[in-house]
Protein backbone atom coordinates (compact mmCIF):
# COMPACT_ATOMS: atom_id res chain seq x y z
CA UNK A 1 -0.51 0.19 -0.05
CA UNK A 2 1.40 3.92 -0.83
CA UNK A 3 2.11 5.20 2.12
CA UNK A 4 2.85 9.39 1.66
CA UNK A 5 4.46 10.92 4.06
CA UNK A 6 1.97 13.22 5.73
CA UNK A 7 2.14 16.75 8.14
CA UNK A 8 -0.11 17.59 10.63
CA UNK A 9 -0.10 21.37 11.65
CA UNK A 10 -1.10 22.63 15.42
CA UNK A 11 0.24 18.85 15.97
CA UNK A 12 -0.12 19.18 19.91
CA UNK A 13 -3.53 20.38 19.69
CA UNK A 14 -7.38 18.75 20.61
CA UNK A 15 -7.52 16.93 17.28
CA UNK A 16 -3.90 17.43 15.84
CA UNK A 17 -1.97 15.13 18.18
CA UNK A 18 -4.41 12.25 18.08
CA UNK A 19 -4.40 12.32 13.74
CA UNK A 20 -0.69 11.90 14.32
CA UNK A 21 -1.00 8.99 16.69
CA UNK A 22 -3.79 7.59 14.60
CA UNK A 23 -2.01 7.42 11.26
CA UNK A 24 1.62 6.68 13.11
CA UNK A 25 -0.70 3.41 13.94
CA UNK A 26 -1.56 2.89 10.65
CA UNK A 27 1.91 2.78 9.38
CA UNK A 28 2.36 6.09 7.46
CA UNK A 29 5.32 8.17 7.45
CA UNK A 30 4.30 11.77 10.05
CA UNK A 31 5.92 14.91 9.99
CA UNK A 32 4.27 16.87 13.41
CA UNK A 33 4.23 21.01 12.93
CA UNK A 34 4.89 21.99 16.61
CA UNK A 35 5.09 25.88 17.68
CA UNK A 36 7.81 24.55 20.54
CA UNK A 37 9.38 21.36 21.54
CA UNK A 38 7.95 20.91 24.77
CA UNK A 39 6.51 17.77 26.52
CA UNK A 40 3.68 17.02 24.05
CA UNK A 41 6.06 17.33 21.07
CA UNK A 42 8.66 15.14 22.73
CA UNK A 43 5.71 12.44 23.45
CA UNK A 44 4.90 12.50 19.72
CA UNK A 45 8.41 11.90 18.62
CA UNK A 46 8.85 9.36 20.76
CA UNK A 47 5.81 7.42 18.96
CA UNK A 48 7.73 7.99 15.91
CA UNK A 49 6.47 11.35 14.40
CA UNK A 50 9.42 13.88 12.90
CA UNK A 51 9.22 16.90 14.49
CA UNK A 52 9.70 20.46 12.79
CA UNK A 53 9.41 23.69 15.05
CA UNK A 54 8.45 26.49 13.31
CA UNK A 55 5.72 29.29 13.03
CA UNK A 56 2.71 28.96 10.66
CA UNK A 57 3.20 32.80 9.97
CA UNK A 58 6.35 32.62 8.76
CA UNK A 59 6.75 31.21 4.94
CA UNK A 60 10.49 29.89 4.88
CA UNK A 61 9.31 27.42 8.23
CA UNK A 62 6.14 26.29 5.90
CA UNK A 63 8.86 25.60 2.81
CA UNK A 64 10.82 23.56 5.20
CA UNK A 65 7.89 21.41 6.85
CA UNK A 66 6.29 20.64 3.40
CA UNK A 67 9.57 19.59 1.96
CA UNK A 68 9.01 16.07 0.78
CA UNK A 69 5.33 15.87 2.00
CA UNK A 70 2.54 14.23 -0.17
CA UNK A 71 -0.54 15.22 2.10
CA UNK A 72 -1.26 16.91 5.14
CA UNK A 73 -4.02 17.76 7.66
CA UNK A 74 -3.75 21.46 8.23
CA UNK A 75 -5.97 23.12 11.43
CA UNK A 76 -5.88 26.40 11.31
CA UNK A 77 -4.29 27.53 14.69
CA UNK A 78 -7.39 30.01 16.21
CA UNK A 79 -5.64 33.51 16.05
CA UNK A 80 -6.86 37.15 14.58
CA UNK A 81 -4.88 36.56 11.58
CA UNK A 82 -6.53 32.85 10.59
CA UNK A 83 -6.83 33.95 7.03
CA UNK A 84 -3.26 34.70 6.28
CA UNK A 85 -2.07 31.85 7.92
CA UNK A 86 -4.61 30.02 5.89
CA UNK A 87 -3.86 31.58 2.74
CA UNK A 88 0.09 31.19 3.54
CA UNK A 89 -0.50 27.71 4.12
CA UNK A 90 -2.04 27.28 0.35
CA UNK A 91 0.57 28.66 -1.05
CA UNK A 92 3.16 26.75 -0.30
CA UNK A 93 0.98 23.76 -0.37
CA UNK A 94 0.70 24.60 -4.18
CA UNK A 95 4.61 25.10 -4.17
CA UNK A 96 5.43 21.61 -2.66
CA UNK A 97 3.10 20.24 -5.22
CA UNK A 98 0.48 18.38 -2.93
CA UNK A 99 -1.68 15.75 -3.47
CA UNK A 100 -4.39 16.86 -1.00
CA UNK A 101 -5.09 18.92 2.04
CA UNK A 102 -7.65 18.15 4.98
CA UNK A 103 -8.53 21.39 5.95
CA UNK A 104 -10.26 21.94 9.29
CA UNK A 105 -13.01 24.62 9.82
CA UNK A 106 -16.10 25.45 11.28
CA UNK A 107 -19.56 24.27 11.59
CA UNK A 108 -21.24 27.52 10.36
CA UNK A 109 -19.16 29.67 8.35
CA UNK A 110 -20.99 32.11 6.53
CA UNK A 111 -20.21 35.75 5.21
CA UNK A 112 -22.05 37.48 7.41
CA UNK A 113 -21.59 36.04 10.60
CA UNK A 114 -21.21 38.34 14.02
CA UNK A 115 -17.50 36.71 14.29
CA UNK A 116 -14.91 38.00 11.91
CA UNK A 117 -13.31 34.42 12.83
CA UNK A 118 -16.02 32.67 11.25
CA UNK A 119 -16.23 35.15 8.46
CA UNK A 120 -12.36 34.18 7.76
CA UNK A 121 -13.04 30.62 7.51
CA UNK A 122 -15.77 31.19 4.81
CA UNK A 123 -13.05 33.06 2.79
CA UNK A 124 -10.68 30.19 3.33
CA UNK A 125 -12.73 27.88 2.47
CA UNK A 126 -13.75 29.38 -0.89
CA UNK A 127 -10.03 30.08 -1.81
CA UNK A 128 -8.95 26.77 -0.92
CA UNK A 129 -11.36 25.36 -3.58
CA UNK A 130 -9.40 27.56 -6.25
CA UNK A 131 -6.02 25.86 -5.59
CA UNK A 132 -5.18 24.76 -9.05
CA UNK A 133 -3.52 21.51 -8.56
CA UNK A 134 -3.96 20.75 -4.64
CA UNK A 135 -7.41 18.83 -3.85
CA UNK A 136 -9.38 19.76 -0.63
CA UNK A 137 -11.37 18.09 1.57
CA UNK A 138 -13.18 20.17 4.53
CA UNK A 139 -13.83 19.07 7.91
CA UNK A 140 -16.51 21.55 9.65
CA UNK A 141 -17.27 20.04 13.30
CA UNK A 142 -19.25 21.58 15.83
CA UNK A 143 -18.93 22.68 19.38
CA UNK A 144 -16.18 20.61 20.68
CA UNK A 145 -17.12 17.94 23.48
CA UNK A 146 -14.31 18.94 25.55
CA UNK A 147 -15.59 22.53 25.90
CA UNK A 148 -18.26 21.57 28.06
CA UNK A 149 -15.55 20.51 30.45
CA UNK A 150 -13.80 23.71 30.80
CA UNK A 151 -15.78 24.34 34.41
CA UNK A 152 -14.26 21.26 36.09
CA UNK A 153 -13.38 23.00 39.49
CA UNK A 154 -17.22 24.08 39.38
CA UNK A 155 -18.34 20.93 38.59
CA UNK A 156 -16.62 18.69 40.96
CA UNK A 157 -16.38 20.82 43.85
CA UNK A 158 -19.79 22.84 43.27
CA UNK A 159 -21.95 20.59 41.32
CA UNK A 160 -22.81 23.18 38.68
CA UNK A 161 -22.00 23.58 35.33
CA UNK A 162 -22.23 27.04 34.93
CA UNK A 163 -22.43 28.12 30.83
CA UNK A 164 -23.71 31.51 28.62
CA UNK A 165 -25.56 28.17 26.55
CA UNK A 166 -29.22 28.45 27.30
CA UNK A 167 -30.70 25.67 26.17
CA UNK A 168 -29.03 25.46 22.89
CA UNK A 169 -28.58 22.04 21.77
CA UNK A 170 -25.29 20.33 20.13
CA UNK A 171 -24.39 16.85 18.98
CA UNK A 172 -20.48 17.45 20.42
CA UNK A 173 -18.06 15.02 18.61
CA UNK A 174 -15.06 13.92 20.52
CA UNK A 175 -11.57 15.35 19.60
CA UNK A 176 -10.44 11.77 18.58
CA UNK A 177 -13.92 11.14 16.31
CA UNK A 178 -13.12 14.52 14.37
CA UNK A 179 -9.72 13.18 14.09
CA UNK A 180 -10.53 9.91 12.74
CA UNK A 181 -12.47 11.13 9.98
CA UNK A 182 -9.30 13.66 9.20
CA UNK A 183 -7.09 10.50 9.27
CA UNK A 184 -9.20 8.20 7.53
CA UNK A 185 -9.43 10.67 4.63
CA UNK A 186 -5.54 11.27 4.21
CA UNK A 187 -5.04 7.39 4.40
CA UNK A 188 -7.61 7.14 1.40
CA UNK A 189 -8.66 10.20 0.03
CA UNK A 190 -9.98 9.41 -3.69
CA UNK A 191 -13.24 8.73 -2.40
CA UNK A 192 -13.47 12.33 -0.73
CA UNK A 193 -11.69 14.74 -2.44
CA UNK A 194 -14.26 18.04 -2.97
CA UNK A 195 -16.59 16.51 -0.03
CA UNK A 196 -17.28 18.21 3.13
CA UNK A 197 -17.89 16.09 6.59
CA UNK A 198 -19.57 17.42 9.44
CA UNK A 199 -18.39 15.13 12.46
CA UNK A 200 -20.60 15.19 15.28
CA UNK A 201 -21.28 13.03 18.27
CA UNK A 202 -24.45 10.52 17.88
CA UNK A 203 -26.92 12.67 19.77
CA UNK A 204 -28.43 16.25 20.16
CA UNK A 205 -27.82 17.22 24.35
CA UNK A 206 -28.54 20.81 26.13
CA UNK A 207 -27.11 21.64 28.70
CA UNK A 208 -29.29 20.14 31.57
CA UNK A 209 -28.63 16.78 29.71
CA UNK A 210 -25.12 17.10 29.86
CA UNK A 211 -25.17 18.00 33.66
CA UNK A 212 -27.27 14.89 33.88
CA UNK A 213 -25.26 13.10 32.22
CA UNK A 214 -22.20 14.33 34.28
CA UNK A 215 -24.42 13.35 37.64
CA UNK A 216 -24.36 9.48 36.22
CA UNK A 217 -20.44 9.71 35.32
CA UNK A 218 -19.35 11.27 38.91
CA UNK A 219 -21.99 9.30 41.33
CA UNK A 220 -23.14 13.14 42.53
CA UNK A 221 -25.73 15.54 41.41
CA UNK A 222 -24.34 18.08 39.04
CA UNK A 223 -26.77 21.20 38.12
CA UNK A 224 -26.60 23.68 34.76
CA UNK A 225 -27.06 26.64 35.48
CA UNK A 226 -26.91 29.33 33.13
CA UNK A 227 -25.56 32.56 33.34
CA UNK A 228 -24.82 36.02 31.47
CA UNK A 229 -22.04 36.16 29.12
CA UNK A 230 -20.61 38.70 31.21
CA UNK A 231 -19.88 36.93 34.13
CA UNK A 232 -18.35 34.09 31.40
CA UNK A 233 -15.95 36.64 30.54
CA UNK A 234 -15.32 37.33 34.00
CA UNK A 235 -14.47 33.58 34.62
CA UNK A 236 -12.48 33.30 31.17
CA UNK A 237 -10.38 36.38 31.92
CA UNK A 238 -9.26 35.27 35.19
CA UNK A 239 -8.69 31.88 33.60
CA UNK A 240 -6.18 34.10 31.55
CA UNK A 241 -8.11 33.38 28.39
CA UNK A 242 -6.96 35.90 25.77
CA UNK A 243 -9.73 38.63 25.13
CA UNK A 244 -9.70 37.93 21.40
CA UNK A 245 -11.10 34.47 22.16
CA UNK A 246 -13.31 35.61 24.56
CA UNK A 247 -14.50 38.01 22.17
CA UNK A 248 -15.64 35.18 19.58
CA UNK A 249 -16.98 32.86 22.34
CA UNK A 250 -19.54 35.60 22.75
CA UNK A 251 -20.76 34.96 19.37
CA UNK A 252 -20.72 31.02 19.61
CA UNK A 253 -22.42 30.96 22.79
CA UNK A 254 -25.11 33.14 20.96
CA UNK A 255 -24.80 30.86 18.26
CA UNK A 256 -25.56 27.52 20.50
CA UNK A 257 -28.30 29.54 22.17
CA UNK A 258 -30.12 30.27 18.93
CA UNK A 259 -29.35 26.93 17.31
CA UNK A 260 -27.19 26.87 15.55
CA UNK A 261 -25.34 23.78 16.12
CA UNK A 262 -28.23 21.64 15.82
CA UNK A 263 -29.15 22.89 12.06
CA UNK A 264 -28.87 19.27 10.56
CA UNK A 265 -27.42 17.59 13.29
CA UNK A 266 -26.34 14.53 14.18
CA UNK A 267 -24.77 13.44 11.53
CA UNK A 268 -23.83 10.38 10.42
CA UNK A 269 -20.38 11.73 8.54
CA UNK A 270 -18.24 10.18 11.44
CA UNK A 271 -19.43 6.43 10.90
CA UNK A 272 -19.72 6.93 7.27
CA UNK A 273 -16.10 7.82 6.88
CA UNK A 274 -14.83 5.79 9.79
CA UNK A 275 -16.76 2.99 9.81
CA UNK A 276 -17.27 3.00 13.40
CA UNK A 277 -20.02 5.11 15.47
CA UNK A 278 -18.89 8.23 17.29
CA UNK A 279 -18.71 8.13 20.46
CA UNK A 280 -21.27 9.22 22.82
CA UNK A 281 -20.98 11.84 25.75
CA UNK A 282 -21.04 9.95 28.46
CA UNK A 283 -18.11 7.44 27.29
CA UNK A 284 -15.98 10.73 26.52
CA UNK A 285 -16.51 12.13 30.00
CA UNK A 286 -15.45 8.79 31.52
CA UNK A 287 -12.50 8.64 29.25
CA UNK A 288 -11.41 12.41 30.94
CA UNK A 289 -12.51 12.03 34.14
CA UNK A 290 -10.82 8.45 34.21
CA UNK A 291 -7.47 10.82 34.55
CA UNK A 292 -6.42 9.93 38.18
CA UNK A 293 -4.31 12.96 38.72
CA UNK A 294 -7.05 15.00 37.07
CA UNK A 295 -9.72 13.67 39.42
CA UNK A 296 -7.22 13.39 42.16
CA UNK A 297 -6.16 16.62 41.85
CA UNK A 298 -9.46 18.18 41.91
CA UNK A 299 -11.27 16.34 44.59
CA UNK A 300 -7.88 16.94 47.21
CA UNK A 301 -8.03 19.95 49.57
CA UNK A 302 -5.74 21.61 47.63
CA UNK A 303 -7.95 21.23 44.71
CA UNK A 304 -10.63 22.41 46.51
CA UNK A 305 -8.85 25.86 47.74
CA UNK A 306 -7.73 26.40 44.40
CA UNK A 307 -11.46 26.26 43.17
CA UNK A 308 -12.64 28.82 46.13
CA UNK A 309 -9.71 30.89 45.13
CA UNK A 310 -10.38 31.10 41.62
CA UNK A 311 -14.32 32.11 42.40
CA UNK A 312 -13.17 34.67 45.14
CA UNK A 313 -10.53 35.93 41.76
CA UNK A 314 -13.51 35.61 39.53
CA UNK A 315 -15.40 37.67 41.65
CA UNK A 316 -12.63 40.27 41.88
CA UNK A 317 -12.19 40.40 37.64
CA UNK A 318 -13.80 43.20 35.79
CA UNK A 319 -15.88 42.15 33.04
CA UNK A 320 -14.18 43.30 29.80
CA UNK A 321 -16.02 45.50 27.22
CA UNK A 322 -15.67 43.18 24.11
CA UNK A 323 -17.52 45.06 21.41
CA UNK A 324 -15.20 48.30 22.52
CA UNK A 325 -11.75 45.71 22.31
CA UNK A 326 -12.62 44.60 19.07
CA UNK A 327 -13.20 48.06 17.41
CA UNK A 328 -10.53 49.52 18.87
CA UNK A 329 -8.43 46.85 17.21
CA UNK A 330 -10.13 47.19 13.94
CA UNK A 331 -11.83 43.92 13.65
CA UNK A 332 -13.74 43.77 10.43
CA UNK A 333 -17.11 44.13 12.36
CA UNK A 334 -20.69 44.21 10.35
CA UNK A 335 -23.36 46.75 11.03
CA UNK A 336 -26.35 43.93 10.26
CA UNK A 337 -24.75 40.73 11.48
CA UNK A 338 -26.65 37.31 10.56
CA UNK A 339 -26.35 34.07 12.81
CA UNK A 340 -26.13 31.14 11.34
CA UNK A 341 -29.85 30.06 11.81
CA UNK A 342 -31.21 33.46 10.30
CA UNK A 343 -28.90 33.04 6.78
CA UNK A 344 -31.00 31.22 4.51
CA UNK A 345 -27.91 30.84 2.37
CA UNK A 346 -26.27 28.98 4.92
CA UNK A 347 -29.11 26.74 6.35
CA UNK A 348 -29.34 25.83 2.19
CA UNK A 349 -25.53 25.01 2.47
CA UNK A 350 -26.03 22.77 5.26
CA UNK A 351 -28.48 20.92 4.01
CA UNK A 352 -26.46 20.12 0.81
CA UNK A 353 -23.57 19.42 3.18
CA UNK A 354 -25.68 16.41 4.79
CA UNK A 355 -25.17 15.06 1.19
CA UNK A 356 -21.30 15.95 1.49
CA UNK A 357 -21.79 19.08 -0.95
CA UNK A 358 -20.09 21.94 -0.88
CA UNK A 359 -21.65 25.54 0.10
CA UNK A 360 -23.43 26.99 -2.87
CA UNK A 361 -21.08 30.04 -2.72
CA UNK A 362 -18.09 29.54 -4.67
CA UNK A 363 -19.31 25.59 -5.64
CA UNK A 364 -16.31 25.56 -8.13
CA UNK A 365 -13.79 22.76 -7.13
CA UNK A 366 -10.60 22.00 -7.32
CA UNK A 367 -8.83 20.31 -10.33
CA UNK A 368 -5.97 18.86 -8.34
CA UNK A 369 -4.35 15.28 -9.65
CA UNK A 370 -6.10 12.54 -7.07
CA UNK A 371 -9.73 14.06 -8.42
CA UNK A 372 -8.82 13.67 -11.75
CA UNK A 373 -7.53 10.30 -11.44
CA UNK A 374 -10.70 9.17 -9.88
């Protein structure tokens, strides 16, 4: 079997590290692109990956990383210059004569979204399909399962899942399932060229149902408390999240509250691509909470004291003015943005993507070598 060398960007990230491990398990040579040589990178190297340390915004580093590479999984970092980086990678991919790129994007990219990062994902998706010689496979997951586990201290010590999600429903996919989709389309890309996959978990869940699952897994009562985003932003700021990320998260929380992530969900794409059904949220939670270090530290006196200290810090942290912060940085904001669930073009696009068809805008696909060979 032909086993080309595959590049994985963001290789120590939520899905990138799993893609590296899964490709290595199938005997593929893997080059892992990382920002720094830390413990996570060394673990990938020990598993058999070739490590390249570099900057995704430096074209010279991209040239070096793509030398001798035939296929790639590209996960653009969540940064204010996402489009800049995505286009640098596309240019380097064309220059390196890649066969195919599996491109990570978002569930709901469209050109009128309140989040300028989501709009940049939409732009990147259009431009990647214009590459003259490189085929593209799109991977557009919804809100990841791990997002619901960010409030672990409050879940463990207070028995409360606090989030600004209303009763919005989502079919949260596990990082590993998203990675399995990416891995499988890279192992055998020909049947998937030009298609769009939207990996999800097996069922739609609202936060109250998520809290009930935590109750079952942990053996103690966990309740859901819907909190204003202002309170959530104080907690995120106290945790050290960059204001850029918090500013975008307010749009994603609004999208969840308004049903964006339940449009067309759940999908059967994980099973179609991998041959195995997606993991349930309960099993994902069990895996996370089976980490003895995580739970032991969380339930220890030290962990309890840290949790209450954080609550005090959060209360004293001023809420950021996110709209002003974005305006001060000249982020491209729209006068009348639309959530995806209110955008007719996106709704039609989501229906098409149930059949793995590309969005209505920019339907012309690339003319890459693999697709022409099919």
